[in-house]
Amino acid sequence: MLTPVLPMAALTEGDKTLVRVGTSQGAIDILVGLADGRYFAVQAHCSHAGQSLAKGRLRGEEITCPRHGARFNVHTGASMGEPATQPIACFPVLLEAGKVCLYIES
């Protein structure tokens, strides 16, 4: 399901914001942002301890969890450093009619 979540103009380079998207299994929190000139959408919680990444530091294409310092690539979801060993989920982003849209499987 393609879901528009915010206007493209709402984000500038290095910005990120938390959005809640409804699915057939309930609402999920997704972190949407703009890093290295590309929009991204990843699960909003660290795979290590479940901490919200919304207040994490975004530097380039890496976001750092504010609790234990785990780092993730926002374009691939890959864990870039301990203590996290598991990736975070990524969601396909489509830019359409000036909006950031996410493809969420229902």
PDB file of N, CA and C in Angstrom:
ATOM      1  N   MET A   1       0.846  -1.171   0.000  1.00  0.00           N
ATOM      2  CA  MET A   1       0.000   0.000   0.000  1.00  0.00           C
ATOM      3  C   MET A   1       0.894   1.238   0.000  1.00  0.00           C
ATOM      4  N   LEU A   2       0.664   2.143  -0.938  1.00  0.00           N
ATOM      5  CA  LEU A   2       1.422   3.388  -1.029  1.00  0.00           C
ATOM      6  C   LEU A   2       0.728   4.436  -0.170  1.00  0.00           C
ATOM      7  N   THR A   3       1.467   4.986   0.785  1.00  0.00           N
ATOM      8  CA  THR A   3       0.891   5.924   1.752  1.00  0.00           C
ATOM      9  C   THR A   3       1.671   7.230   1.765  1.00  0.00           C
ATOM     10  N   PRO A   4       1.025   8.369   1.400  1.00  0.00           N
ATOM     11  CA  PRO A   4       1.705   9.655   1.553  1.00  0.00           C
ATOM     12  C   PRO A   4       1.816   9.998   3.034  1.00  0.00           C
ATOM     13  N   VAL A   5       3.021  10.443   3.458  1.00  0.00           N
ATOM     14  CA  VAL A   5       3.209  10.710   4.884  1.00  0.00           C
ATOM     15  C   VAL A   5       3.537  12.162   5.206  1.00  0.00           C
ATOM     16  N   LEU A   6       4.135  12.903   4.263  1.00  0.00           N
ATOM     17  CA  LEU A   6       4.421  14.308   4.502  1.00  0.00           C
ATOM     18  C   LEU A   6       4.871  14.973   3.206  1.00  0.00           C
ATOM     19  N   PRO A   7       4.766  16.303   3.145  1.00  0.00           N
ATOM     20  CA  PRO A   7       5.265  17.018   1.967  1.00  0.00           C
ATOM     21  C   PRO A   7       6.790  16.945   1.896  1.00  0.00           C
ATOM     22  N   MET A   8       7.321  16.870   0.696  1.00  0.00           N
ATOM     23  CA  MET A   8       8.777  16.842   0.527  1.00  0.00           C
ATOM     24  C   MET A   8       9.417  18.074   1.163  1.00  0.00           C
ATOM     25  N   ALA A   9       8.735  19.210   1.086  1.00  0.00           N
ATOM     26  CA  ALA A   9       9.270  20.466   1.615  1.00  0.00           C
ATOM     27  C   ALA A   9       9.394  20.462   3.145  1.00  0.00           C
ATOM     28  N   ALA A  10       8.803  19.485   3.814  1.00  0.00           N
ATOM     29  CA  ALA A  10       8.864  19.422   5.276  1.00  0.00           C
ATOM     30  C   ALA A  10      10.249  19.018   5.779  1.00  0.00           C
ATOM     31  N   LEU A  11      11.082  18.464   4.887  1.00  0.00           N
ATOM     32  CA  LEU A  11      12.408  17.996   5.289  1.00  0.00           C
ATOM     33  C   LEU A  11      13.492  18.694   4.492  1.00  0.00           C
ATOM     34  N   THR A  12      14.541  19.095   5.181  1.00  0.00           N
ATOM     35  CA  THR A  12      15.745  19.574   4.515  1.00  0.00           C
ATOM     36  C   THR A  12      16.870  18.595   4.858  1.00  0.00           C
ATOM     37  N   GLU A  13      17.982  18.721   4.199  1.00  0.00           N
ATOM     38  CA  GLU A  13      19.101  17.800   4.403  1.00  0.00           C
ATOM     39  C   GLU A  13      19.432  17.666   5.889  1.00  0.00           C
ATOM     40  N   GLY A  14      19.494  16.416   6.356  1.00  0.00           N
ATOM     41  CA  GLY A  14      19.821  16.131   7.748  1.00  0.00           C
ATOM     42  C   GLY A  14      18.627  16.109   8.686  1.00  0.00           C
ATOM     43  N   ASP A  15      17.423  16.413   8.177  1.00  0.00           N
ATOM     44  CA  ASP A  15      16.210  16.372   9.001  1.00  0.00           C
ATOM     45  C   ASP A  15      15.652  14.959   9.061  1.00  0.00           C
ATOM     46  N   LYS A  16      14.925  14.687  10.124  1.00  0.00           N
ATOM     47  CA  LYS A  16      14.191  13.432  10.284  1.00  0.00           C
ATOM     48  C   LYS A  16      12.957  13.711  11.115  1.00  0.00           C
ATOM     49  N   THR A  17      11.920  12.914  10.919  1.00  0.00           N
ATOM     50  CA  THR A  17      10.692  13.076  11.686  1.00  0.00           C
ATOM     51  C   THR A  17      10.020  11.725  11.854  1.00  0.00           C
ATOM     52  N   LEU A  18       9.279  11.603  12.908  1.00  0.00           N
ATOM     53  CA  LEU A  18       8.561  10.373  13.218  1.00  0.00           C
ATOM     54  C   LEU A  18       7.164  10.455  12.634  1.00  0.00           C
ATOM     55  N   VAL A  19       6.749   9.404  11.917  1.00  0.00           N
ATOM     56  CA  VAL A  19       5.387   9.325  11.398  1.00  0.00           C
ATOM     57  C   VAL A  19       4.776   8.007  11.854  1.00  0.00           C
ATOM     58  N   ARG A  20       3.468   8.004  11.994  1.00  0.00           N
ATOM     59  CA  ARG A  20       2.744   6.781  12.350  1.00  0.00           C
ATOM     60  C   ARG A  20       1.897   6.402  11.147  1.00  0.00           C
ATOM     61  N   VAL A  21       2.050   5.160  10.704  1.00  0.00           N
ATOM     62  CA  VAL A  21       1.354   4.675   9.520  1.00  0.00           C
ATOM     63  C   VAL A  21       0.474   3.491   9.907  1.00  0.00           C
ATOM     64  N   GLY A  22      -0.775   3.544   9.478  1.00  0.00           N
ATOM     65  CA  GLY A  22      -1.693   2.439   9.750  1.00  0.00           C
ATOM     66  C   GLY A  22      -1.501   1.306   8.765  1.00  0.00           C
ATOM     67  N   THR A  23      -1.538   0.089   9.263  1.00  0.00           N
ATOM     68  CA  THR A  23      -1.467  -1.107   8.423  1.00  0.00           C
ATOM     69  C   THR A  23      -2.607  -2.033   8.830  1.00  0.00           C
ATOM     70  N   SER A  24      -2.754  -3.120   8.115  1.00  0.00           N
ATOM     71  CA  SER A  24      -3.802  -4.079   8.469  1.00  0.00           C
ATOM     72  C   SER A  24      -3.519  -4.737   9.822  1.00  0.00           C
ATOM     73  N   GLN A  25      -2.255  -4.706  10.267  1.00  0.00           N
ATOM     74  CA  GLN A  25      -1.899  -5.264  11.583  1.00  0.00           C
ATOM     75  C   GLN A  25      -1.843  -4.207  12.680  1.00  0.00           C
ATOM     76  N   GLY A  26      -2.193  -2.973  12.371  1.00  0.00           N
ATOM     77  CA  GLY A  26      -2.136  -1.892  13.357  1.00  0.00           C
ATOM     78  C   GLY A  26      -1.168  -0.810  12.919  1.00  0.00           C
ATOM     79  N   ALA A  27      -1.023   0.205  13.738  1.00  0.00           N
ATOM     80  CA  ALA A  27      -0.148   1.343  13.411  1.00  0.00           C
ATOM     81  C   ALA A  27       1.309   1.013  13.727  1.00  0.00           C
ATOM     82  N   ILE A  28       2.198   1.522  12.883  1.00  0.00           N
ATOM     83  CA  ILE A  28       3.630   1.374  13.131  1.00  0.00           C
ATOM     84  C   ILE A  28       4.293   2.750  13.049  1.00  0.00           C
ATOM     85  N   ASP A  29       5.349   2.931  13.850  1.00  0.00           N
ATOM     86  CA  ASP A  29       6.117   4.164  13.836  1.00  0.00           C
ATOM     87  C   ASP A  29       7.290   4.008  12.885  1.00  0.00           C
ATOM     88  N   ILE A  30       7.457   5.015  12.023  1.00  0.00           N
ATOM     89  CA  ILE A  30       8.520   4.999  11.023  1.00  0.00           C
ATOM     90  C   ILE A  30       9.254   6.339  11.088  1.00  0.00           C
ATOM     91  N   LEU A  31      10.573   6.267  11.013  1.00  0.00           N
ATOM     92  CA  LEU A  31      11.396   7.467  10.980  1.00  0.00           C
ATOM     93  C   LEU A  31      11.680   7.802   9.516  1.00  0.00           C
ATOM     94  N   VAL A  32      11.275   8.999   9.103  1.00  0.00           N
ATOM     95  CA  VAL A  32      11.444   9.452   7.715  1.00  0.00           C
ATOM     96  C   VAL A  32      12.398  10.637   7.725  1.00  0.00           C
ATOM     97  N   GLY A  33      13.312  10.678   6.774  1.00  0.00           N
ATOM     98  CA  GLY A  33      14.254  11.788   6.744  1.00  0.00           C
ATOM     99  C   GLY A  33      14.907  11.958   5.395  1.00  0.00           C
ATOM    100  N   LEU A  34      15.863  12.877   5.374  1.00  0.00           N
ATOM    101  CA  LEU A  34      16.625  13.192   4.166  1.00  0.00           C
ATOM    102  C   LEU A  34      18.103  13.191   4.534  1.00  0.00           C
ATOM    103  N   ALA A  35      18.850  12.247   3.974  1.00  0.00           N
ATOM    104  CA  ALA A  35      20.279  12.120   4.274  1.00  0.00           C
ATOM    105  C   ALA A  35      21.044  11.903   2.982  1.00  0.00           C
ATOM    106  N   ASP A  36      22.096  12.650   2.809  1.00  0.00           N
ATOM    107  CA  ASP A  36      22.933  12.565   1.611  1.00  0.00           C
ATOM    108  C   ASP A  36      22.109  12.735   0.338  1.00  0.00           C
ATOM    109  N   GLY A  37      21.115  13.640   0.397  1.00  0.00           N
ATOM    110  CA  GLY A  37      20.298  13.951  -0.776  1.00  0.00           C
ATOM    111  C   GLY A  37      19.249  12.921  -1.119  1.00  0.00           C
ATOM    112  N   ARG A  38      19.068  11.912  -0.275  1.00  0.00           N
ATOM    113  CA  ARG A  38      18.094  10.843  -0.527  1.00  0.00           C
ATOM    114  C   ARG A  38      17.145  10.717   0.662  1.00  0.00           C
ATOM    115  N   TYR A  39      15.859  10.596   0.364  1.00  0.00           N
ATOM    116  CA  TYR A  39      14.874  10.358   1.418  1.00  0.00           C
ATOM    117  C   TYR A  39      15.012   8.926   1.897  1.00  0.00           C
ATOM    118  N   PHE A  40      14.721   8.717   3.186  1.00  0.00           N
ATOM    119  CA  PHE A  40      14.764   7.373   3.749  1.00  0.00           C
ATOM    120  C   PHE A  40      13.579   7.164   4.679  1.00  0.00           C
ATOM    121  N   ALA A  41      13.278   5.893   4.929  1.00  0.00           N
ATOM    122  CA  ALA A  41      12.241   5.510   5.884  1.00  0.00           C
ATOM    123  C   ALA A  41      12.679   4.204   6.538  1.00  0.00           C
ATOM    124  N   VAL A  42      12.827   4.231   7.863  1.00  0.00           N
ATOM    125  CA  VAL A  42      13.269   3.058   8.611  1.00  0.00           C
ATOM    126  C   VAL A  42      12.390   2.874   9.844  1.00  0.00           C
ATOM    127  N   GLN A  43      12.435   1.660  10.388  1.00  0.00           N
ATOM    128  CA  GLN A  43      11.697   1.438  11.631  1.00  0.00           C
ATOM    129  C   GLN A  43      12.212   2.425  12.658  1.00  0.00           C
ATOM    130  N   ALA A  44      11.328   2.892  13.506  1.00  0.00           N
ATOM    131  CA  ALA A  44      11.655   3.988  14.413  1.00  0.00           C
ATOM    132  C   ALA A  44      12.338   3.554  15.703  1.00  0.00           C
ATOM    133  N   HIS A  45      12.553   2.254  15.876  1.00  0.00           N
ATOM    134  CA  HIS A  45      13.136   1.775  17.133  1.00  0.00           C
ATOM    135  C   HIS A  45      14.374   0.932  16.878  1.00  0.00           C
ATOM    136  N   CYS A  46      15.335   1.096  17.748  1.00  0.00           N
ATOM    137  CA  CYS A  46      16.593   0.362  17.690  1.00  0.00           C
ATOM    138  C   CYS A  46      16.338  -1.145  17.811  1.00  0.00           C
ATOM    139  N   SER A  47      17.043  -1.931  17.012  1.00  0.00           N
ATOM    140  CA  SER A  47      16.882  -3.392  17.070  1.00  0.00           C
ATOM    141  C   SER A  47      17.534  -3.991  18.313  1.00  0.00           C
ATOM    142  N   HIS A  48      18.347  -3.232  19.010  1.00  0.00           N
ATOM    143  CA  HIS A  48      19.037  -3.743  20.191  1.00  0.00           C
ATOM    144  C   HIS A  48      18.170  -3.672  21.442  1.00  0.00           C
ATOM    145  N   ALA A  49      17.654  -2.496  21.772  1.00  0.00           N
ATOM    146  CA  ALA A  49      16.914  -2.352  23.036  1.00  0.00           C
ATOM    147  C   ALA A  49      15.566  -1.669  22.856  1.00  0.00           C
ATOM    148  N   GLY A  50      15.138  -1.477  21.616  1.00  0.00           N
ATOM    149  CA  GLY A  50      13.821  -0.905  21.377  1.00  0.00           C
ATOM    150  C   GLY A  50      13.714   0.592  21.604  1.00  0.00           C
ATOM    151  N   GLN A  51      14.821   1.264  21.831  1.00  0.00           N
ATOM    152  CA  GLN A  51      14.821   2.717  22.057  1.00  0.00           C
ATOM    153  C   GLN A  51      14.392   3.441  20.784  1.00  0.00           C
ATOM    154  N   SER A  52      13.628   4.512  20.930  1.00  0.00           N
ATOM    155  CA  SER A  52      13.242   5.320  19.776  1.00  0.00           C
ATOM    156  C   SER A  52      14.481   5.960  19.159  1.00  0.00           C
ATOM    157  N   LEU A  53      14.552   5.914  17.839  1.00  0.00           N
ATOM    158  CA  LEU A  53      15.648   6.555  17.119  1.00  0.00           C
ATOM    159  C   LEU A  53      15.325   7.995  16.752  1.00  0.00           C
ATOM    160  N   ALA A  54      14.122   8.459  17.092  1.00  0.00           N
ATOM    161  CA  ALA A  54      13.692   9.812  16.722  1.00  0.00           C
ATOM    162  C   ALA A  54      14.625  10.888  17.277  1.00  0.00           C
ATOM    163  N   LYS A  55      15.204  10.667  18.449  1.00  0.00           N
ATOM    164  CA  LYS A  55      16.115  11.649  19.037  1.00  0.00           C
ATOM    165  C   LYS A  55      17.572  11.266  18.840  1.00  0.00           C
ATOM    166  N   GLY A  56      17.797  10.263  17.991  1.00  0.00           N
ATOM    167  CA  GLY A  56      19.165   9.860  17.681  1.00  0.00           C
ATOM    168  C   GLY A  56      19.847  10.868  16.785  1.00  0.00           C
ATOM    169  N   ARG A  57      21.169  10.859  16.782  1.00  0.00           N
ATOM    170  CA  ARG A  57      21.950  11.784  15.959  1.00  0.00           C
ATOM    171  C   ARG A  57      22.077  11.210  14.551  1.00  0.00           C
ATOM    172  N   LEU A  58      21.682  12.012  13.566  1.00  0.00           N
ATOM    173  CA  LEU A  58      21.819  11.641  12.162  1.00  0.00           C
ATOM    174  C   LEU A  58      23.042  12.351  11.611  1.00  0.00           C
ATOM    175  N   ARG A  59      24.018  11.581  11.199  1.00  0.00           N
ATOM    176  CA  ARG A  59      25.255  12.134  10.648  1.00  0.00           C
ATOM    177  C   ARG A  59      25.533  11.389   9.344  1.00  0.00           C
ATOM    178  N   GLY A  60      25.434  12.132   8.235  1.00  0.00           N
ATOM    179  CA  GLY A  60      25.558  11.472   6.932  1.00  0.00           C
ATOM    180  C   GLY A  60      24.410  10.506   6.775  1.00  0.00           C
ATOM    181  N   GLU A  61      24.729   9.262   6.470  1.00  0.00           N
ATOM    182  CA  GLU A  61      23.665   8.269   6.328  1.00  0.00           C
ATOM    183  C   GLU A  61      23.594   7.300   7.511  1.00  0.00           C
ATOM    184  N   GLU A  62      24.166   7.703   8.638  1.00  0.00           N
ATOM    185  CA  GLU A  62      24.096   6.881   9.842  1.00  0.00           C
ATOM    186  C   GLU A  62      23.306   7.575  10.940  1.00  0.00           C
ATOM    187  N   ILE A  63      22.452   6.790  11.599  1.00  0.00           N
ATOM    188  CA  ILE A  63      21.749   7.292  12.774  1.00  0.00           C
ATOM    189  C   ILE A  63      22.253   6.521  13.979  1.00  0.00           C
ATOM    190  N   THR A  64      22.461   7.242  15.073  1.00  0.00           N
ATOM    191  CA  THR A  64      22.971   6.643  16.304  1.00  0.00           C
ATOM    192  C   THR A  64      21.868   6.598  17.345  1.00  0.00           C
ATOM    193  N   CYS A  65      21.678   5.440  17.944  1.00  0.00           N
ATOM    194  CA  CYS A  65      20.682   5.278  19.001  1.00  0.00           C
ATOM    195  C   CYS A  65      21.127   6.078  20.229  1.00  0.00           C
ATOM    196  N   PRO A  66      20.224   6.883  20.791  1.00  0.00           N
ATOM    197  CA  PRO A  66      20.612   7.703  21.942  1.00  0.00           C
ATOM    198  C   PRO A  66      20.840   6.902  23.233  1.00  0.00           C
ATOM    199  N   ARG A  67      20.381   5.669  23.308  1.00  0.00           N
ATOM    200  CA  ARG A  67      20.535   4.904  24.552  1.00  0.00           C
ATOM    201  C   ARG A  67      21.910   4.258  24.682  1.00  0.00           C
ATOM    202  N   HIS A  68      22.309   3.428  23.721  1.00  0.00           N
ATOM    203  CA  HIS A  68      23.561   2.682  23.853  1.00  0.00           C
ATOM    204  C   HIS A  68      24.550   2.950  22.725  1.00  0.00           C
ATOM    205  N   GLY A  69      24.211   3.842  21.789  1.00  0.00           N
ATOM    206  CA  GLY A  69      25.158   4.200  20.741  1.00  0.00           C
ATOM    207  C   GLY A  69      25.199   3.282  19.533  1.00  0.00           C
ATOM    208  N   ALA A  70      24.239   2.361  19.420  1.00  0.00           N
ATOM    209  CA  ALA A  70      24.197   1.512  18.224  1.00  0.00           C
ATOM    210  C   ALA A  70      23.994   2.410  17.006  1.00  0.00           C
ATOM    211  N   ARG A  71      24.617   2.051  15.896  1.00  0.00           N
ATOM    212  CA  ARG A  71      24.526   2.858  14.681  1.00  0.00           C
ATOM    213  C   ARG A  71      23.925   2.031  13.546  1.00  0.00           C
ATOM    214  N   PHE A  72      23.119   2.719  12.712  1.00  0.00           N
ATOM    215  CA  PHE A  72      22.460   2.056  11.594  1.00  0.00           C
ATOM    216  C   PHE A  72      22.570   2.919  10.341  1.00  0.00           C
ATOM    217  N   ASN A  73      22.704   2.268   9.192  1.00  0.00           N
ATOM    218  CA  ASN A  73      22.664   2.966   7.917  1.00  0.00           C
ATOM    219  C   ASN A  73      21.193   3.198   7.577  1.00  0.00           C
ATOM    220  N   VAL A  74      20.795   4.454   7.358  1.00  0.00           N
ATOM    221  CA  VAL A  74      19.376   4.769   7.137  1.00  0.00           C
ATOM    222  C   VAL A  74      18.901   4.391   5.733  1.00  0.00           C
ATOM    223  N   HIS A  75      19.816   4.084   4.825  1.00  0.00           N
ATOM    224  CA  HIS A  75      19.403   3.694   3.475  1.00  0.00           C
ATOM    225  C   HIS A  75      19.314   2.179   3.309  1.00  0.00           C
ATOM    226  N   THR A  76      20.041   1.437   4.144  1.00  0.00           N
ATOM    227  CA  THR A  76      20.019  -0.028   4.027  1.00  0.00           C
ATOM    228  C   THR A  76      19.467  -0.714   5.273  1.00  0.00           C
ATOM    229  N   GLY A  77      19.463  -0.006   6.413  1.00  0.00           N
ATOM    230  CA  GLY A  77      19.035  -0.593   7.684  1.00  0.00           C
ATOM    231  C   GLY A  77      20.129  -1.375   8.386  1.00  0.00           C
ATOM    232  N   ALA A  78      21.280  -1.546   7.753  1.00  0.00           N
ATOM    233  CA  ALA A  78      22.358  -2.365   8.311  1.00  0.00           C
ATOM    234  C   ALA A  78      22.867  -1.805   9.637  1.00  0.00           C
ATOM    235  N   SER A  79      23.150  -2.716  10.565  1.00  0.00           N
ATOM    236  CA  SER A  79      23.794  -2.344  11.816  1.00  0.00           C
ATOM    237  C   SER A  79      25.243  -1.999  11.504  1.00  0.00           C
ATOM    238  N   MET A  80      25.675  -0.829  11.986  1.00  0.00           N
ATOM    239  CA  MET A  80      27.029  -0.360  11.697  1.00  0.00           C
ATOM    240  C   MET A  80      27.932  -0.435  12.922  1.00  0.00           C
ATOM    241  N   GLY A  81      27.403  -0.915  14.045  1.00  0.00           N
ATOM    242  CA  GLY A  81      28.241  -1.016  15.236  1.00  0.00           C
ATOM    243  C   GLY A  81      27.495  -1.554  16.428  1.00  0.00           C
ATOM    244  N   GLU A  82      28.219  -2.222  17.278  1.00  0.00           N
ATOM    245  CA  GLU A  82      27.687  -2.790  18.517  1.00  0.00           C
ATOM    246  C   GLU A  82      27.088  -1.673  19.367  1.00  0.00           C
ATOM    247  N   PRO A  83      26.142  -1.942  20.228  1.00  0.00           N
ATOM    248  CA  PRO A  83      25.732  -3.278  20.640  1.00  0.00           C
ATOM    249  C   PRO A  83      24.687  -3.925  19.730  1.00  0.00           C
ATOM    250  N   ALA A  84      24.146  -3.218  18.764  1.00  0.00           N
ATOM    251  CA  ALA A  84      23.161  -3.832  17.866  1.00  0.00           C
ATOM    252  C   ALA A  84      23.863  -4.773  16.893  1.00  0.00           C
ATOM    253  N   THR A  85      23.283  -5.944  16.709  1.00  0.00           N
ATOM    254  CA  THR A  85      23.813  -6.884  15.730  1.00  0.00           C
ATOM    255  C   THR A  85      22.804  -7.143  14.617  1.00  0.00           C
ATOM    256  N   GLN A  86      21.557  -6.759  14.834  1.00  0.00           N
ATOM    257  CA  GLN A  86      20.492  -6.960  13.851  1.00  0.00           C
ATOM    258  C   GLN A  86      20.188  -5.642  13.131  1.00  0.00           C
ATOM    259  N   PRO A  87      19.824  -5.715  11.858  1.00  0.00           N
ATOM    260  CA  PRO A  87      19.466  -4.496  11.127  1.00  0.00           C
ATOM    261  C   PRO A  87      18.111  -3.966  11.584  1.00  0.00           C
ATOM    262  N   ILE A  88      17.766  -2.775  11.111  1.00  0.00           N
ATOM    263  CA  ILE A  88      16.419  -2.239  11.290  1.00  0.00           C
ATOM    264  C   ILE A  88      15.730  -2.300   9.926  1.00  0.00           C
ATOM    265  N   ALA A  89      14.411  -2.369   9.947  1.00  0.00           N
ATOM    266  CA  ALA A  89      13.650  -2.473   8.701  1.00  0.00           C
ATOM    267  C   ALA A  89      13.685  -1.157   7.934  1.00  0.00           C
ATOM    268  N   CYS A  90      13.761  -1.264   6.614  1.00  0.00           N
ATOM    269  CA  CYS A  90      13.685  -0.114   5.716  1.00  0.00           C
ATOM    270  C   CYS A  90      12.399  -0.228   4.906  1.00  0.00           C
ATOM    271  N   PHE A  91      11.850   0.902   4.535  1.00  0.00           N
ATOM    272  CA  PHE A  91      10.631   0.938   3.743  1.00  0.00           C
ATOM    273  C   PHE A  91      10.903   1.709   2.461  1.00  0.00           C
ATOM    274  N   PRO A  92      10.438   1.204   1.320  1.00  0.00           N
ATOM    275  CA  PRO A  92      10.636   1.916   0.057  1.00  0.00           C
ATOM    276  C   PRO A  92       9.965   3.287   0.076  1.00  0.00           C
ATOM    277  N   VAL A  93      10.675   4.281  -0.443  1.00  0.00           N
ATOM    278  CA  VAL A  93      10.182   5.664  -0.510  1.00  0.00           C
ATOM    279  C   VAL A  93       9.937   6.019  -1.973  1.00  0.00           C
ATOM    280  N   LEU A  94       8.798   6.626  -2.236  1.00  0.00           N
ATOM    281  CA  LEU A  94       8.473   7.128  -3.565  1.00  0.00           C
ATOM    282  C   LEU A  94       8.080   8.587  -3.425  1.00  0.00           C
ATOM    283  N   LEU A  95       8.641   9.442  -4.265  1.00  0.00           N
ATOM    284  CA  LEU A  95       8.291  10.862  -4.251  1.00  0.00           C
ATOM    285  C   LEU A  95       7.258  11.079  -5.346  1.00  0.00           C
ATOM    286  N   GLU A  96       6.087  11.565  -4.941  1.00  0.00           N
ATOM    287  CA  GLU A  96       4.985  11.704  -5.884  1.00  0.00           C
ATOM    288  C   GLU A  96       4.182  12.957  -5.580  1.00  0.00           C
ATOM    289  N   ALA A  97       4.012  13.830  -6.583  1.00  0.00           N
ATOM    290  CA  ALA A  97       3.212  15.053  -6.455  1.00  0.00           C
ATOM    291  C   ALA A  97       3.650  15.885  -5.260  1.00  0.00           C
ATOM    292  N   GLY A  98       4.969  15.990  -5.043  1.00  0.00           N
ATOM    293  CA  GLY A  98       5.498  16.814  -3.957  1.00  0.00           C
ATOM    294  C   GLY A  98       5.367  16.207  -2.576  1.00  0.00           C
ATOM    295  N   LYS A  99       5.028  14.912  -2.504  1.00  0.00           N
ATOM    296  CA  LYS A  99       4.868  14.245  -1.213  1.00  0.00           C
ATOM    297  C   LYS A  99       5.830  13.070  -1.088  1.00  0.00           C
ATOM    298  N   VAL A 100       6.235  12.811   0.154  1.00  0.00           N
ATOM    299  CA  VAL A 100       7.010  11.616   0.468  1.00  0.00           C
ATOM    300  C   VAL A 100       5.994  10.511   0.753  1.00  0.00           C
ATOM    301  N   CYS A 101       6.056   9.447  -0.060  1.00  0.00           N
ATOM    302  CA  CYS A 101       5.129   8.341   0.083  1.00  0.00           C
ATOM    303  C   CYS A 101       5.920   7.091   0.444  1.00  0.00           C
ATOM    304  N   LEU A 102       5.348   6.253   1.282  1.00  0.00           N
ATOM    305  CA  LEU A 102       6.000   5.014   1.695  1.00  0.00           C
ATOM    306  C   LEU A 102       5.200   3.822   1.186  1.00  0.00           C
ATOM    307  N   TYR A 103       5.914   2.803   0.770  1.00  0.00           N
ATOM    308  CA  TYR A 103       5.259   1.555   0.394  1.00  0.00           C
ATOM    309  C   TYR A 103       5.309   0.637   1.600  1.00  0.00           C
ATOM    310  N   ILE A 104       4.138   0.367   2.159  1.00  0.00           N
ATOM    311  CA  ILE A 104       4.027  -0.491   3.340  1.00  0.00           C
ATOM    312  C   ILE A 104       3.241  -1.738   2.958  1.00  0.00           C
ATOM    313  N   GLU A 105       3.850  -2.903   3.123  1.00  0.00           N
ATOM    314  CA  GLU A 105       3.119  -4.149   2.843  1.00  0.00           C
ATOM    315  C   GLU A 105       2.088  -4.356   3.935  1.00  0.00           C
ATOM    316  N   SER A 106       0.875  -4.669   3.512  1.00  0.00           N
ATOM    317  CA  SER A 106      -0.175  -4.870   4.528  1.00  0.00           C
ATOM    318  C   SER A 106      -0.313  -6.305   4.931  1.00  0.00           C
TER     319      SER A 106
END
